[in-house]
N, C-alpha and C. Protein backbone atom coordinates (compact mmCIF):
# COMPACT_ATOMS: atom_id res chain seq x y z
N MET A 1 -25.38 62.55 15.36
CA MET A 1 -26.72 62.87 14.92
C MET A 1 -26.96 62.20 13.57
N PRO A 2 -28.08 61.52 13.41
CA PRO A 2 -28.37 60.83 12.15
C PRO A 2 -28.54 61.80 10.99
N LEU A 3 -28.19 61.31 9.81
CA LEU A 3 -28.35 62.09 8.59
C LEU A 3 -29.55 61.60 7.80
N THR A 4 -30.16 62.49 7.04
CA THR A 4 -31.24 62.08 6.16
C THR A 4 -30.67 61.22 5.04
N ARG A 5 -31.52 60.42 4.42
CA ARG A 5 -31.06 59.55 3.33
C ARG A 5 -30.50 60.38 2.17
N SER A 6 -31.10 61.53 1.91
CA SER A 6 -30.59 62.36 0.81
C SER A 6 -29.20 62.89 1.10
N ALA A 7 -28.86 63.05 2.37
CA ALA A 7 -27.51 63.48 2.73
C ALA A 7 -26.53 62.31 2.72
N GLN A 8 -27.02 61.10 2.91
CA GLN A 8 -26.15 59.92 2.94
C GLN A 8 -25.83 59.41 1.54
N ALA A 9 -26.81 59.40 0.67
CA ALA A 9 -26.62 58.85 -0.68
C ALA A 9 -27.36 59.73 -1.67
N ALA A 10 -26.65 60.19 -2.68
CA ALA A 10 -27.24 61.05 -3.70
C ALA A 10 -27.40 60.26 -5.00
N LEU A 11 -28.48 60.50 -5.71
CA LEU A 11 -28.71 59.78 -6.96
C LEU A 11 -27.77 60.23 -8.08
N GLU A 12 -27.13 61.38 -7.90
CA GLU A 12 -26.16 61.82 -8.92
C GLU A 12 -24.94 60.89 -8.93
N ALA A 13 -24.58 60.38 -7.77
CA ALA A 13 -23.50 59.40 -7.66
C ALA A 13 -24.14 58.13 -7.10
N PRO A 14 -24.63 57.24 -7.96
CA PRO A 14 -25.46 56.14 -7.49
C PRO A 14 -24.74 55.04 -6.73
N TYR A 15 -23.41 55.06 -6.65
CA TYR A 15 -22.70 54.04 -5.88
C TYR A 15 -22.52 54.52 -4.45
N TYR A 16 -22.76 53.63 -3.52
CA TYR A 16 -22.78 53.98 -2.11
C TYR A 16 -22.05 52.90 -1.33
N HIS A 17 -21.03 53.30 -0.55
CA HIS A 17 -20.24 52.36 0.24
C HIS A 17 -20.81 52.30 1.64
N ARG A 18 -21.06 51.08 2.12
CA ARG A 18 -21.67 50.88 3.43
C ARG A 18 -20.81 49.92 4.23
N VAL A 19 -20.57 50.25 5.51
CA VAL A 19 -19.80 49.40 6.41
C VAL A 19 -20.69 49.05 7.60
N SER A 20 -20.74 47.77 7.96
CA SER A 20 -21.48 47.32 9.14
C SER A 20 -20.50 46.65 10.09
N ASN A 21 -20.42 47.18 11.29
CA ASN A 21 -19.49 46.66 12.31
C ASN A 21 -20.22 45.80 13.32
N CYS A 22 -19.47 44.92 13.95
CA CYS A 22 -20.00 44.11 15.05
C CYS A 22 -19.87 44.90 16.34
N LEU A 23 -20.76 44.60 17.27
CA LEU A 23 -20.69 45.24 18.58
C LEU A 23 -19.63 44.57 19.44
N ARG A 24 -18.96 45.36 20.23
CA ARG A 24 -17.98 44.87 21.22
C ARG A 24 -16.91 43.98 20.60
N LYS A 25 -16.57 44.26 19.37
CA LYS A 25 -15.51 43.51 18.68
C LYS A 25 -15.78 42.01 18.63
N ALA A 26 -17.05 41.64 18.55
CA ALA A 26 -17.39 40.23 18.40
C ALA A 26 -16.97 39.76 17.02
N ALA A 27 -16.50 38.56 16.92
CA ALA A 27 -16.04 38.04 15.64
C ALA A 27 -17.24 37.72 14.75
N LEU A 28 -17.22 38.29 13.58
CA LEU A 28 -18.28 38.05 12.61
C LEU A 28 -17.94 36.84 11.74
N TYR A 29 -16.68 36.69 11.42
CA TYR A 29 -16.23 35.67 10.48
C TYR A 29 -14.79 35.32 10.84
N GLY A 30 -14.39 34.12 10.52
CA GLY A 30 -13.01 33.72 10.77
C GLY A 30 -12.79 33.26 12.20
N ARG A 31 -11.57 33.36 12.67
CA ARG A 31 -11.21 32.88 14.01
C ARG A 31 -11.17 34.07 14.97
N ASP A 32 -11.87 33.92 16.09
CA ASP A 32 -11.87 34.93 17.14
C ASP A 32 -10.54 34.87 17.88
N ILE A 33 -9.83 35.98 17.93
CA ILE A 33 -8.50 36.01 18.55
C ILE A 33 -8.58 35.74 20.04
N LYS A 34 -9.59 36.30 20.71
CA LYS A 34 -9.69 36.16 22.17
C LYS A 34 -10.10 34.75 22.60
N SER A 35 -11.14 34.21 21.98
CA SER A 35 -11.65 32.91 22.42
C SER A 35 -11.06 31.74 21.64
N GLY A 36 -10.54 32.00 20.45
CA GLY A 36 -9.99 30.94 19.62
C GLY A 36 -11.04 30.18 18.83
N LYS A 37 -12.31 30.54 19.00
CA LYS A 37 -13.38 29.87 18.26
C LYS A 37 -13.37 30.31 16.80
N THR A 38 -13.81 29.40 15.95
CA THR A 38 -13.92 29.73 14.53
C THR A 38 -15.38 29.99 14.17
N HIS A 39 -15.60 30.96 13.32
CA HIS A 39 -16.94 31.34 12.92
C HIS A 39 -17.10 31.28 11.40
N GLU A 40 -16.51 30.27 10.80
CA GLU A 40 -16.57 30.12 9.34
C GLU A 40 -18.00 29.91 8.84
N ASP A 41 -18.85 29.29 9.67
CA ASP A 41 -20.22 29.01 9.25
C ASP A 41 -21.07 30.26 9.13
N ARG A 42 -20.66 31.34 9.77
CA ARG A 42 -21.45 32.57 9.70
C ARG A 42 -21.46 33.19 8.31
N CYS A 43 -20.43 32.95 7.54
CA CYS A 43 -20.40 33.48 6.17
C CYS A 43 -21.59 32.95 5.38
N GLU A 44 -21.93 31.69 5.61
CA GLU A 44 -23.07 31.09 4.92
C GLU A 44 -24.39 31.71 5.35
N GLN A 45 -24.43 32.31 6.54
CA GLN A 45 -25.63 32.98 7.02
C GLN A 45 -25.68 34.43 6.57
N ILE A 46 -24.54 35.10 6.52
CA ILE A 46 -24.49 36.53 6.20
C ILE A 46 -24.64 36.77 4.71
N GLU A 47 -24.00 35.95 3.90
CA GLU A 47 -24.03 36.14 2.45
C GLU A 47 -25.44 36.20 1.88
N PRO A 48 -26.35 35.27 2.21
CA PRO A 48 -27.71 35.39 1.68
C PRO A 48 -28.45 36.64 2.16
N MET A 49 -28.15 37.09 3.39
CA MET A 49 -28.79 38.31 3.89
C MET A 49 -28.34 39.52 3.09
N VAL A 50 -27.07 39.59 2.77
CA VAL A 50 -26.55 40.71 1.97
C VAL A 50 -27.14 40.66 0.57
N LEU A 51 -27.16 39.49 -0.04
CA LEU A 51 -27.68 39.37 -1.39
C LEU A 51 -29.20 39.57 -1.45
N ASN A 52 -29.89 39.32 -0.35
CA ASN A 52 -31.32 39.54 -0.29
C ASN A 52 -31.69 41.01 -0.39
N LEU A 53 -30.75 41.89 -0.06
CA LEU A 53 -31.00 43.33 -0.21
C LEU A 53 -31.41 43.69 -1.63
N ALA A 54 -30.76 43.08 -2.59
CA ALA A 54 -31.04 43.40 -3.99
C ALA A 54 -32.45 42.98 -4.39
N SER A 55 -32.97 41.92 -3.79
CA SER A 55 -34.32 41.49 -4.14
C SER A 55 -35.38 42.22 -3.32
N THR A 56 -35.00 42.84 -2.20
CA THR A 56 -35.96 43.52 -1.34
C THR A 56 -36.01 45.01 -1.60
N LEU A 57 -34.90 45.61 -1.96
CA LEU A 57 -34.82 47.05 -2.17
C LEU A 57 -34.53 47.36 -3.63
N THR A 58 -34.58 48.62 -3.98
CA THR A 58 -34.29 49.01 -5.37
C THR A 58 -32.79 49.32 -5.51
N ILE A 59 -31.99 48.38 -5.05
CA ILE A 59 -30.55 48.52 -5.17
C ILE A 59 -29.97 47.25 -5.76
N ASP A 60 -28.78 47.38 -6.29
CA ASP A 60 -28.02 46.23 -6.76
C ASP A 60 -26.75 46.16 -5.93
N ILE A 61 -26.28 44.97 -5.65
CA ILE A 61 -25.03 44.78 -4.91
C ILE A 61 -23.90 44.80 -5.94
N ALA A 62 -23.08 45.84 -5.90
CA ALA A 62 -21.95 45.93 -6.82
C ALA A 62 -20.79 45.08 -6.32
N ALA A 63 -20.56 45.09 -5.00
CA ALA A 63 -19.49 44.29 -4.41
C ALA A 63 -19.74 44.17 -2.91
N TYR A 64 -19.21 43.11 -2.31
CA TYR A 64 -19.26 42.98 -0.86
C TYR A 64 -18.10 42.11 -0.42
N ILE A 65 -17.71 42.32 0.84
CA ILE A 65 -16.67 41.50 1.43
C ILE A 65 -16.98 41.35 2.92
N ILE A 66 -16.84 40.14 3.42
CA ILE A 66 -17.07 39.85 4.83
C ILE A 66 -15.71 39.63 5.48
N ILE A 67 -15.43 40.47 6.48
CA ILE A 67 -14.14 40.44 7.16
C ILE A 67 -14.40 40.03 8.62
N ASN A 68 -13.36 39.80 9.39
CA ASN A 68 -13.51 39.29 10.76
C ASN A 68 -14.54 40.04 11.60
N TYR A 69 -14.43 41.35 11.69
CA TYR A 69 -15.27 42.11 12.62
C TYR A 69 -16.27 43.02 11.93
N HIS A 70 -16.34 43.02 10.62
CA HIS A 70 -17.28 43.88 9.90
C HIS A 70 -17.41 43.40 8.46
N TYR A 71 -18.34 44.01 7.74
CA TYR A 71 -18.42 43.73 6.30
C TYR A 71 -18.69 45.01 5.54
N HIS A 72 -18.23 45.04 4.31
CA HIS A 72 -18.39 46.18 3.41
C HIS A 72 -19.32 45.77 2.29
N THR A 73 -20.17 46.69 1.88
CA THR A 73 -20.97 46.50 0.67
C THR A 73 -20.88 47.76 -0.16
N VAL A 74 -20.79 47.58 -1.45
CA VAL A 74 -20.89 48.69 -2.39
C VAL A 74 -22.22 48.51 -3.10
N LEU A 75 -23.11 49.46 -2.89
CA LEU A 75 -24.46 49.38 -3.41
C LEU A 75 -24.62 50.31 -4.60
N TYR A 76 -25.39 49.87 -5.56
CA TYR A 76 -25.75 50.69 -6.70
C TYR A 76 -27.23 51.01 -6.58
N ILE A 77 -27.55 52.28 -6.44
CA ILE A 77 -28.94 52.71 -6.32
C ILE A 77 -29.53 52.75 -7.72
N ASN A 78 -30.42 51.84 -7.99
CA ASN A 78 -31.02 51.69 -9.32
C ASN A 78 -32.28 52.55 -9.40
N LYS A 79 -32.10 53.81 -9.80
CA LYS A 79 -33.25 54.73 -9.81
C LYS A 79 -34.19 54.47 -10.98
N GLU A 80 -33.76 53.72 -11.97
CA GLU A 80 -34.62 53.41 -13.12
C GLU A 80 -35.58 52.26 -12.82
N LYS A 81 -35.20 51.37 -11.93
CA LYS A 81 -35.99 50.17 -11.64
C LYS A 81 -37.42 50.49 -11.19
N PRO A 82 -37.64 51.37 -10.19
CA PRO A 82 -39.01 51.61 -9.76
C PRO A 82 -39.85 52.41 -10.75
N LEU A 83 -39.22 53.09 -11.67
CA LEU A 83 -39.97 53.88 -12.65
C LEU A 83 -40.77 53.00 -13.61
N ASN A 84 -40.34 51.75 -13.76
CA ASN A 84 -41.01 50.82 -14.67
C ASN A 84 -42.07 49.96 -13.98
N TRP A 85 -42.27 50.15 -12.68
CA TRP A 85 -43.22 49.35 -11.94
C TRP A 85 -44.65 49.81 -12.17
N SER A 86 -45.56 48.86 -12.14
CA SER A 86 -46.98 49.20 -12.09
C SER A 86 -47.31 49.57 -10.65
N ASP A 87 -48.50 50.12 -10.42
CA ASP A 87 -48.90 50.46 -9.06
C ASP A 87 -48.92 49.23 -8.16
N MET A 88 -49.40 48.11 -8.70
CA MET A 88 -49.47 46.88 -7.91
C MET A 88 -48.08 46.38 -7.55
N GLU A 89 -47.12 46.46 -8.48
CA GLU A 89 -45.76 46.03 -8.19
C GLU A 89 -45.15 46.88 -7.08
N ALA A 90 -45.41 48.19 -7.11
CA ALA A 90 -44.89 49.08 -6.08
C ALA A 90 -45.48 48.74 -4.72
N ILE A 91 -46.76 48.43 -4.68
CA ILE A 91 -47.42 48.06 -3.42
C ILE A 91 -46.85 46.75 -2.90
N LEU A 92 -46.68 45.76 -3.77
CA LEU A 92 -46.14 44.46 -3.34
C LEU A 92 -44.70 44.59 -2.85
N TYR A 93 -43.91 45.45 -3.50
CA TYR A 93 -42.54 45.69 -3.08
C TYR A 93 -42.52 46.26 -1.68
N ARG A 94 -43.38 47.25 -1.45
CA ARG A 94 -43.44 47.88 -0.14
C ARG A 94 -43.93 46.89 0.92
N GLN A 95 -44.88 46.05 0.58
CA GLN A 95 -45.34 45.03 1.52
C GLN A 95 -44.22 44.07 1.89
N ASN A 96 -43.38 43.74 0.93
CA ASN A 96 -42.27 42.84 1.19
C ASN A 96 -41.28 43.43 2.18
N ILE A 97 -41.07 44.74 2.11
CA ILE A 97 -40.14 45.40 3.01
C ILE A 97 -40.73 45.55 4.41
N PHE A 98 -41.96 46.03 4.49
CA PHE A 98 -42.55 46.38 5.78
C PHE A 98 -43.51 45.32 6.32
N LYS A 99 -43.63 44.18 5.67
CA LYS A 99 -44.48 43.08 6.13
C LYS A 99 -45.91 43.56 6.41
N ALA A 100 -46.47 44.27 5.44
CA ALA A 100 -47.82 44.80 5.57
C ALA A 100 -48.84 43.69 5.36
N TYR A 101 -50.07 43.99 5.72
CA TYR A 101 -51.16 43.04 5.49
C TYR A 101 -51.40 42.89 4.00
N SER A 102 -51.93 41.76 3.60
CA SER A 102 -52.25 41.53 2.20
C SER A 102 -53.36 42.47 1.76
N LEU A 103 -53.29 42.85 0.51
CA LEU A 103 -54.32 43.73 -0.04
C LEU A 103 -55.49 42.92 -0.55
N THR A 104 -56.65 43.43 -0.35
CA THR A 104 -57.84 42.88 -0.96
C THR A 104 -58.28 43.89 -1.99
N LEU A 105 -58.21 43.51 -3.23
CA LEU A 105 -58.56 44.43 -4.31
C LEU A 105 -60.05 44.37 -4.61
N HIS A 106 -60.68 45.49 -4.60
CA HIS A 106 -62.10 45.60 -4.92
C HIS A 106 -62.24 46.35 -6.23
N PRO A 107 -63.05 45.86 -7.14
CA PRO A 107 -63.26 46.61 -8.40
C PRO A 107 -63.92 47.94 -8.09
N VAL A 108 -63.50 48.94 -8.81
CA VAL A 108 -64.05 50.29 -8.59
C VAL A 108 -65.18 50.55 -9.54
C-alpha cells in the first residue's frame, strides 16, 4: 500500500535515501550477465536525469550512485528554497514540473 509523502520523508530529517530498481533484472549499467551486452552508455543518459531533479524540484542531490540493476540517490529536501520564491517563481516552477499551459498575465 502506498505511503503519503509525509510518511515517506519528514522535514525534521531532511535527508532522504531513494532506491530505483530495474524491472525483471534488466541491466541498467555495466555488463549484463545473461546476454553479455554492455550498457556503459546508459550512465550518460541516467546521470543528467538524476541531476535534473535538483533543477526541477525543491531538492538537492547529496549523493548518487548508478549500479548494474539499480541506482541510489540521497536527496536533501531544501525547505528554505521555496520560502524565498515570488508568486510568479512558484507558478513557473510548478509549470516546469507538470507541463502546464503558459500563463497570460492580465493587469488587475
